[in-house]
Amino acid sequence: MIKVGPAGGPGKTWDDEGREKIVQIFVSHGDQINSLQFLYVEDGNLVLSETHGGNTGPKFNVLNYPSEYLTGISGSYYYSNTCSQWLIFTVAFSTNNRTYGPFGVPHKQGYAFEYQLGEDHPFGGFHGRAGEYLNAIGVYVKPITNLGDVKANVKTKKFKCPLFRSG
């Protein structure tokens, strides 16, 4: 697995590497993302992750497993002077069917992040840092293991070269 990120700041490290079959995502938020929790399929059983962050705010569950799968995650983070820490302010999850979110409230300042996973199911789990709130989030990506899995996207077009003119 390739570990990408996390985007955000310091906090207690959490890691869901290898948990790639997501059934539901629970997002707790107010003005910022309070916590994330995931329901996975492992060895044919449903497994609920720990809650990553605090437990306040409404929760939303998303994804229609198995027909729907994660293709990207995006959001924003900012240093909150009020909380004296880096916080994930918004998060959105993109699937092969639609985008859920953004959850949270965009901040006028801050930094955007985006992990584009594509349509080849390379998602390999989440990781990040959290305390009272979600401080950082990243993803694991499964590398391609077979050249047959590489899809070429090459287009050709005939054209006349203007440098070579007769006469």
C-alpha atoms as a PDB file:
ATOM      1  CA  MET A   1       0.000   0.000   0.000  1.00  0.00           C
ATOM      2  CA  ILE A   2       1.058   3.553  -0.656  1.00  0.00           C
ATOM      3  CA  LYS A   3       0.321   5.988   2.171  1.00  0.00           C
ATOM      4  CA  VAL A   4      -0.839   9.387   0.858  1.00  0.00           C
ATOM      5  CA  GLY A   5      -1.111  12.350   3.226  1.00  0.00           C
ATOM      6  CA  PRO A   6      -2.479  13.119   5.687  1.00  0.00           C
ATOM      7  CA  ALA A   7      -3.664  16.658   5.026  1.00  0.00           C
ATOM      8  CA  GLY A   8      -4.120  18.683   8.199  1.00  0.00           C
ATOM      9  CA  GLY A   9      -2.250  18.998  11.460  1.00  0.00           C
ATOM     10  CA  PRO A  10      -1.059  17.079  14.518  1.00  0.00           C
ATOM     11  CA  GLY A  11      -3.199  14.917  16.786  1.00  0.00           C
ATOM     12  CA  LYS A  12      -3.503  11.310  17.934  1.00  0.00           C
ATOM     13  CA  THR A  13      -2.663   8.985  15.020  1.00  0.00           C
ATOM     14  CA  TRP A  14      -5.274   6.511  13.756  1.00  0.00           C
ATOM     15  CA  ASP A  15      -4.894   3.985  10.963  1.00  0.00           C
ATOM     16  CA  ASP A  16      -7.398   1.852   9.000  1.00  0.00           C
ATOM     17  CA  GLU A  17      -4.925   0.448   6.453  1.00  0.00           C
ATOM     18  CA  GLY A  18      -6.295  -2.456   4.423  1.00  0.00           C
ATOM     19  CA  ARG A  19      -9.921  -1.683   5.218  1.00  0.00           C
ATOM     20  CA  GLU A  20     -10.960  -1.030   1.649  1.00  0.00           C
ATOM     21  CA  LYS A  21     -14.574  -2.229   1.357  1.00  0.00           C
ATOM     22  CA  ILE A  22     -16.599   0.636   2.827  1.00  0.00           C
ATOM     23  CA  VAL A  23     -20.288   0.079   3.517  1.00  0.00           C
ATOM     24  CA  GLN A  24     -21.041   3.322   5.376  1.00  0.00           C
ATOM     25  CA  ILE A  25     -19.270   6.525   6.366  1.00  0.00           C
ATOM     26  CA  PHE A  26     -20.481   8.339   9.475  1.00  0.00           C
ATOM     27  CA  VAL A  27     -19.631  12.051   9.484  1.00  0.00           C
ATOM     28  CA  SER A  28     -20.163  14.073  12.659  1.00  0.00           C
ATOM     29  CA  HIS A  29     -19.857  17.803  12.088  1.00  0.00           C
ATOM     30  CA  GLY A  30     -20.814  21.291  13.118  1.00  0.00           C
ATOM     31  CA  ASP A  31     -18.673  24.202  11.931  1.00  0.00           C
ATOM     32  CA  GLN A  32     -15.833  21.681  11.462  1.00  0.00           C
ATOM     33  CA  ILE A  33     -15.556  17.910  11.157  1.00  0.00           C
ATOM     34  CA  ASN A  34     -15.897  16.507  14.669  1.00  0.00           C
ATOM     35  CA  SER A  35     -15.358  12.856  13.768  1.00  0.00           C
ATOM     36  CA  LEU A  36     -15.430  10.153  11.127  1.00  0.00           C
ATOM     37  CA  GLN A  37     -16.323   6.500  11.591  1.00  0.00           C
ATOM     38  CA  PHE A  38     -16.443   3.768   8.960  1.00  0.00           C
ATOM     39  CA  LEU A  39     -18.331   0.501   8.549  1.00  0.00           C
ATOM     40  CA  TYR A  40     -16.244  -1.977   6.541  1.00  0.00           C
ATOM     41  CA  VAL A  41     -16.583  -5.495   5.184  1.00  0.00           C
ATOM     42  CA  GLU A  42     -13.748  -7.754   6.381  1.00  0.00           C
ATOM     43  CA  ASP A  43     -13.717 -11.497   5.702  1.00  0.00           C
ATOM     44  CA  GLY A  44     -17.453 -11.366   4.958  1.00  0.00           C
ATOM     45  CA  ASN A  45     -18.275  -9.631   8.272  1.00  0.00           C
ATOM     46  CA  LEU A  46     -19.283  -6.044   9.039  1.00  0.00           C
ATOM     47  CA  VAL A  47     -16.647  -4.255  11.133  1.00  0.00           C
ATOM     48  CA  LEU A  48     -17.163  -0.806  12.678  1.00  0.00           C
ATOM     49  CA  SER A  49     -14.018   1.309  13.048  1.00  0.00           C
ATOM     50  CA  GLU A  50     -13.231   3.356  16.110  1.00  0.00           C
ATOM     51  CA  THR A  51     -14.613   6.891  16.113  1.00  0.00           C
ATOM     52  CA  HIS A  52     -11.856   9.162  14.826  1.00  0.00           C
ATOM     53  CA  GLY A  53     -12.394  12.449  16.687  1.00  0.00           C
ATOM     54  CA  GLY A  54     -15.091  13.712  19.061  1.00  0.00           C
ATOM     55  CA  ASN A  55     -18.668  12.495  19.292  1.00  0.00           C
ATOM     56  CA  THR A  56     -20.663  15.711  18.901  1.00  0.00           C
ATOM     57  CA  GLY A  57     -22.760  16.939  16.003  1.00  0.00           C
ATOM     58  CA  PRO A  58     -25.216  15.214  13.684  1.00  0.00           C
ATOM     59  CA  LYS A  59     -24.112  12.069  11.844  1.00  0.00           C
ATOM     60  CA  PHE A  60     -24.680  11.132   8.233  1.00  0.00           C
ATOM     61  CA  ASN A  61     -24.150   7.770   6.635  1.00  0.00           C
ATOM     62  CA  VAL A  62     -23.349   7.419   2.985  1.00  0.00           C
ATOM     63  CA  LEU A  63     -22.508   4.838   0.284  1.00  0.00           C
ATOM     64  CA  ASN A  64     -24.572   2.075  -1.252  1.00  0.00           C
ATOM     65  CA  TYR A  65     -22.266  -0.943  -0.952  1.00  0.00           C
ATOM     66  CA  PRO A  66     -21.377  -2.968  -3.040  1.00  0.00           C
ATOM     67  CA  SER A  67     -22.537  -1.085  -6.154  1.00  0.00           C
ATOM     68  CA  GLU A  68     -20.983   2.176  -4.952  1.00  0.00           C
ATOM     69  CA  TYR A  69     -17.276   2.635  -4.251  1.00  0.00           C
ATOM     70  CA  LEU A  70     -15.004   5.504  -3.278  1.00  0.00           C
ATOM     71  CA  THR A  71     -13.304   7.438  -6.108  1.00  0.00           C
ATOM     72  CA  GLY A  72     -12.104  10.512  -4.214  1.00  0.00           C
ATOM     73  CA  ILE A  73     -12.065  12.583  -1.055  1.00  0.00           C
ATOM     74  CA  SER A  74     -11.653  16.338  -0.766  1.00  0.00           C
ATOM     75  CA  GLY A  75     -11.989  19.072   1.791  1.00  0.00           C
ATOM     76  CA  SER A  76     -10.241  21.857   3.640  1.00  0.00           C
ATOM     77  CA  TYR A  77      -8.281  22.412   6.834  1.00  0.00           C
ATOM     78  CA  TYR A  78      -7.280  25.473   8.819  1.00  0.00           C
ATOM     79  CA  TYR A  79      -5.531  26.420  12.056  1.00  0.00           C
ATOM     80  CA  SER A  80      -8.234  27.446  14.532  1.00  0.00           C
ATOM     81  CA  ASN A  81      -7.070  30.091  17.000  1.00  0.00           C
ATOM     82  CA  THR A  82     -10.177  29.371  19.086  1.00  0.00           C
ATOM     83  CA  CYS A  83      -9.258  25.693  19.511  1.00  0.00           C
ATOM     84  CA  SER A  84      -5.478  26.242  19.168  1.00  0.00           C
ATOM     85  CA  GLN A  85      -5.181  23.358  16.705  1.00  0.00           C
ATOM     86  CA  TRP A  86      -5.434  22.393  13.042  1.00  0.00           C
ATOM     87  CA  LEU A  87      -8.927  21.213  12.107  1.00  0.00           C
ATOM     88  CA  ILE A  88     -10.509  19.603   9.081  1.00  0.00           C
ATOM     89  CA  PHE A  89     -13.277  22.103   8.325  1.00  0.00           C
ATOM     90  CA  THR A  90     -14.908  20.378   5.367  1.00  0.00           C
ATOM     91  CA  VAL A  91     -14.879  16.921   3.830  1.00  0.00           C
ATOM     92  CA  ALA A  92     -16.622  15.421   0.797  1.00  0.00           C
ATOM     93  CA  PHE A  93     -16.592  11.838  -0.450  1.00  0.00           C
ATOM     94  CA  SER A  94     -16.890  11.090  -4.175  1.00  0.00           C
ATOM     95  CA  THR A  95     -18.083   7.730  -5.458  1.00  0.00           C
ATOM     96  CA  ASN A  96     -18.727   6.229  -8.858  1.00  0.00           C
ATOM     97  CA  ASN A  97     -22.334   7.501  -8.483  1.00  0.00           C
ATOM     98  CA  ARG A  98     -22.165  10.922  -6.813  1.00  0.00           C
ATOM     99  CA  THR A  99     -20.459  13.224  -4.309  1.00  0.00           C
ATOM    100  CA  TYR A 100     -21.574  13.323  -0.666  1.00  0.00           C
ATOM    101  CA  GLY A 101     -20.963  16.640   1.038  1.00  0.00           C
ATOM    102  CA  PRO A 102     -19.179  18.814   1.569  1.00  0.00           C
ATOM    103  CA  PHE A 103     -19.882  18.313   5.266  1.00  0.00           C
ATOM    104  CA  GLY A 104     -18.818  21.085   7.652  1.00  0.00           C
ATOM    105  CA  VAL A 105     -18.596  24.818   6.990  1.00  0.00           C
ATOM    106  CA  PRO A 106     -16.006  26.269   4.576  1.00  0.00           C
ATOM    107  CA  HIS A 107     -13.560  28.708   6.172  1.00  0.00           C
ATOM    108  CA  LYS A 108     -12.536  31.938   4.427  1.00  0.00           C
ATOM    109  CA  GLN A 109      -8.891  31.024   4.904  1.00  0.00           C
ATOM    110  CA  GLY A 110      -7.227  27.651   4.937  1.00  0.00           C
ATOM    111  CA  TYR A 111      -5.937  24.950   2.666  1.00  0.00           C
ATOM    112  CA  ALA A 112      -7.728  22.619   0.292  1.00  0.00           C
ATOM    113  CA  PHE A 113      -6.903  18.950  -0.167  1.00  0.00           C
ATOM    114  CA  GLU A 114      -8.060  16.416  -2.737  1.00  0.00           C
ATOM    115  CA  TYR A 115      -7.280  12.735  -3.187  1.00  0.00           C
ATOM    116  CA  GLN A 116      -8.434  11.480  -6.592  1.00  0.00           C
ATOM    117  CA  LEU A 117      -8.589   7.683  -6.591  1.00  0.00           C
ATOM    118  CA  GLY A 118     -10.102   6.997  -9.998  1.00  0.00           C
ATOM    119  CA  GLU A 119     -12.357   4.200 -11.185  1.00  0.00           C
ATOM    120  CA  ASP A 120      -9.970   1.235 -10.802  1.00  0.00           C
ATOM    121  CA  HIS A 121     -10.784   0.572  -7.104  1.00  0.00           C
ATOM    122  CA  PRO A 122      -7.324   1.499  -5.754  1.00  0.00           C
ATOM    123  CA  PHE A 123      -8.657   2.631  -2.330  1.00  0.00           C
ATOM    124  CA  GLY A 124      -6.896   0.782   0.480  1.00  0.00           C
ATOM    125  CA  GLY A 125      -8.114   2.490   3.661  1.00  0.00           C
ATOM    126  CA  PHE A 126      -7.950   5.742   5.602  1.00  0.00           C
ATOM    127  CA  HIS A 127      -5.469   7.133   8.113  1.00  0.00           C
ATOM    128  CA  GLY A 128      -5.132  10.411   9.953  1.00  0.00           C
ATOM    129  CA  ARG A 129      -4.961  12.201  13.272  1.00  0.00           C
ATOM    130  CA  ALA A 130      -7.704  13.235  15.669  1.00  0.00           C
ATOM    131  CA  GLY A 131      -8.400  14.408  19.190  1.00  0.00           C
ATOM    132  CA  GLU A 132     -11.539  16.278  20.169  1.00  0.00           C
ATOM    133  CA  TYR A 133     -11.977  16.962  16.436  1.00  0.00           C
ATOM    134  CA  LEU A 134     -10.667  15.495  13.187  1.00  0.00           C
ATOM    135  CA  ASN A 135      -7.215  17.054  12.697  1.00  0.00           C
ATOM    136  CA  ALA A 136      -5.925  15.308   9.550  1.00  0.00           C
ATOM    137  CA  ILE A 137      -6.965  12.698   6.986  1.00  0.00           C
ATOM    138  CA  GLY A 138      -5.156  10.667   4.343  1.00  0.00           C
ATOM    139  CA  VAL A 139      -5.705   7.559   2.244  1.00  0.00           C
ATOM    140  CA  TYR A 140      -3.963   4.346   1.325  1.00  0.00           C
ATOM    141  CA  VAL A 141      -3.755   3.487  -2.359  1.00  0.00           C
ATOM    142  CA  LYS A 142      -3.184  -0.007  -3.714  1.00  0.00           C
ATOM    143  CA  PRO A 143      -0.493   0.024  -6.412  1.00  0.00           C
ATOM    144  CA  ILE A 144      -1.129  -1.689  -9.736  1.00  0.00           C
ATOM    145  CA  THR A 145       0.310  -5.210  -9.567  1.00  0.00           C
ATOM    146  CA  ASN A 146      -0.202  -6.296 -13.173  1.00  0.00           C
ATOM    147  CA  LEU A 147       0.553  -4.442 -16.406  1.00  0.00           C
ATOM    148  CA  GLY A 148      -2.711  -5.823 -17.765  1.00  0.00           C
ATOM    149  CA  ASP A 149      -4.445  -3.557 -15.224  1.00  0.00           C
ATOM    150  CA  VAL A 150      -3.020  -0.433 -16.866  1.00  0.00           C
ATOM    151  CA  LYS A 151      -5.542   1.131 -19.210  1.00  0.00           C
ATOM    152  CA  ALA A 152      -3.998   3.231 -21.941  1.00  0.00           C
ATOM    153  CA  ASN A 153      -5.842   6.414 -22.773  1.00  0.00           C
ATOM    154  CA  VAL A 154      -4.225   7.408 -26.054  1.00  0.00           C
ATOM    155  CA  LYS A 155      -6.057   9.295 -28.774  1.00  0.00           C
ATOM    156  CA  THR A 156      -4.648   9.910 -32.213  1.00  0.00           C
ATOM    157  CA  LYS A 157      -5.688  12.516 -34.695  1.00  0.00           C
ATOM    158  CA  LYS A 158      -4.583  13.072 -38.269  1.00  0.00           C
ATOM    159  CA  PHE A 159      -3.539  16.585 -39.103  1.00  0.00           C
ATOM    160  CA  LYS A 160      -1.669  18.483 -41.805  1.00  0.00           C
ATOM    161  CA  CYS A 161       1.645  19.920 -40.795  1.00  0.00           C
ATOM    162  CA  PRO A 162       1.749  23.669 -41.653  1.00  0.00           C
ATOM    163  CA  LEU A 163       5.583  23.667 -41.801  1.00  0.00           C
ATOM    164  CA  PHE A 164       5.760  21.688 -45.029  1.00  0.00           C
ATOM    165  CA  ARG A 165       3.971  23.454 -47.854  1.00  0.00           C
ATOM    166  CA  SER A 166       4.549  22.844 -51.508  1.00  0.00           C
ATOM    167  CA  GLY A 167       5.031  25.574 -53.992  1.00  0.00           C
END
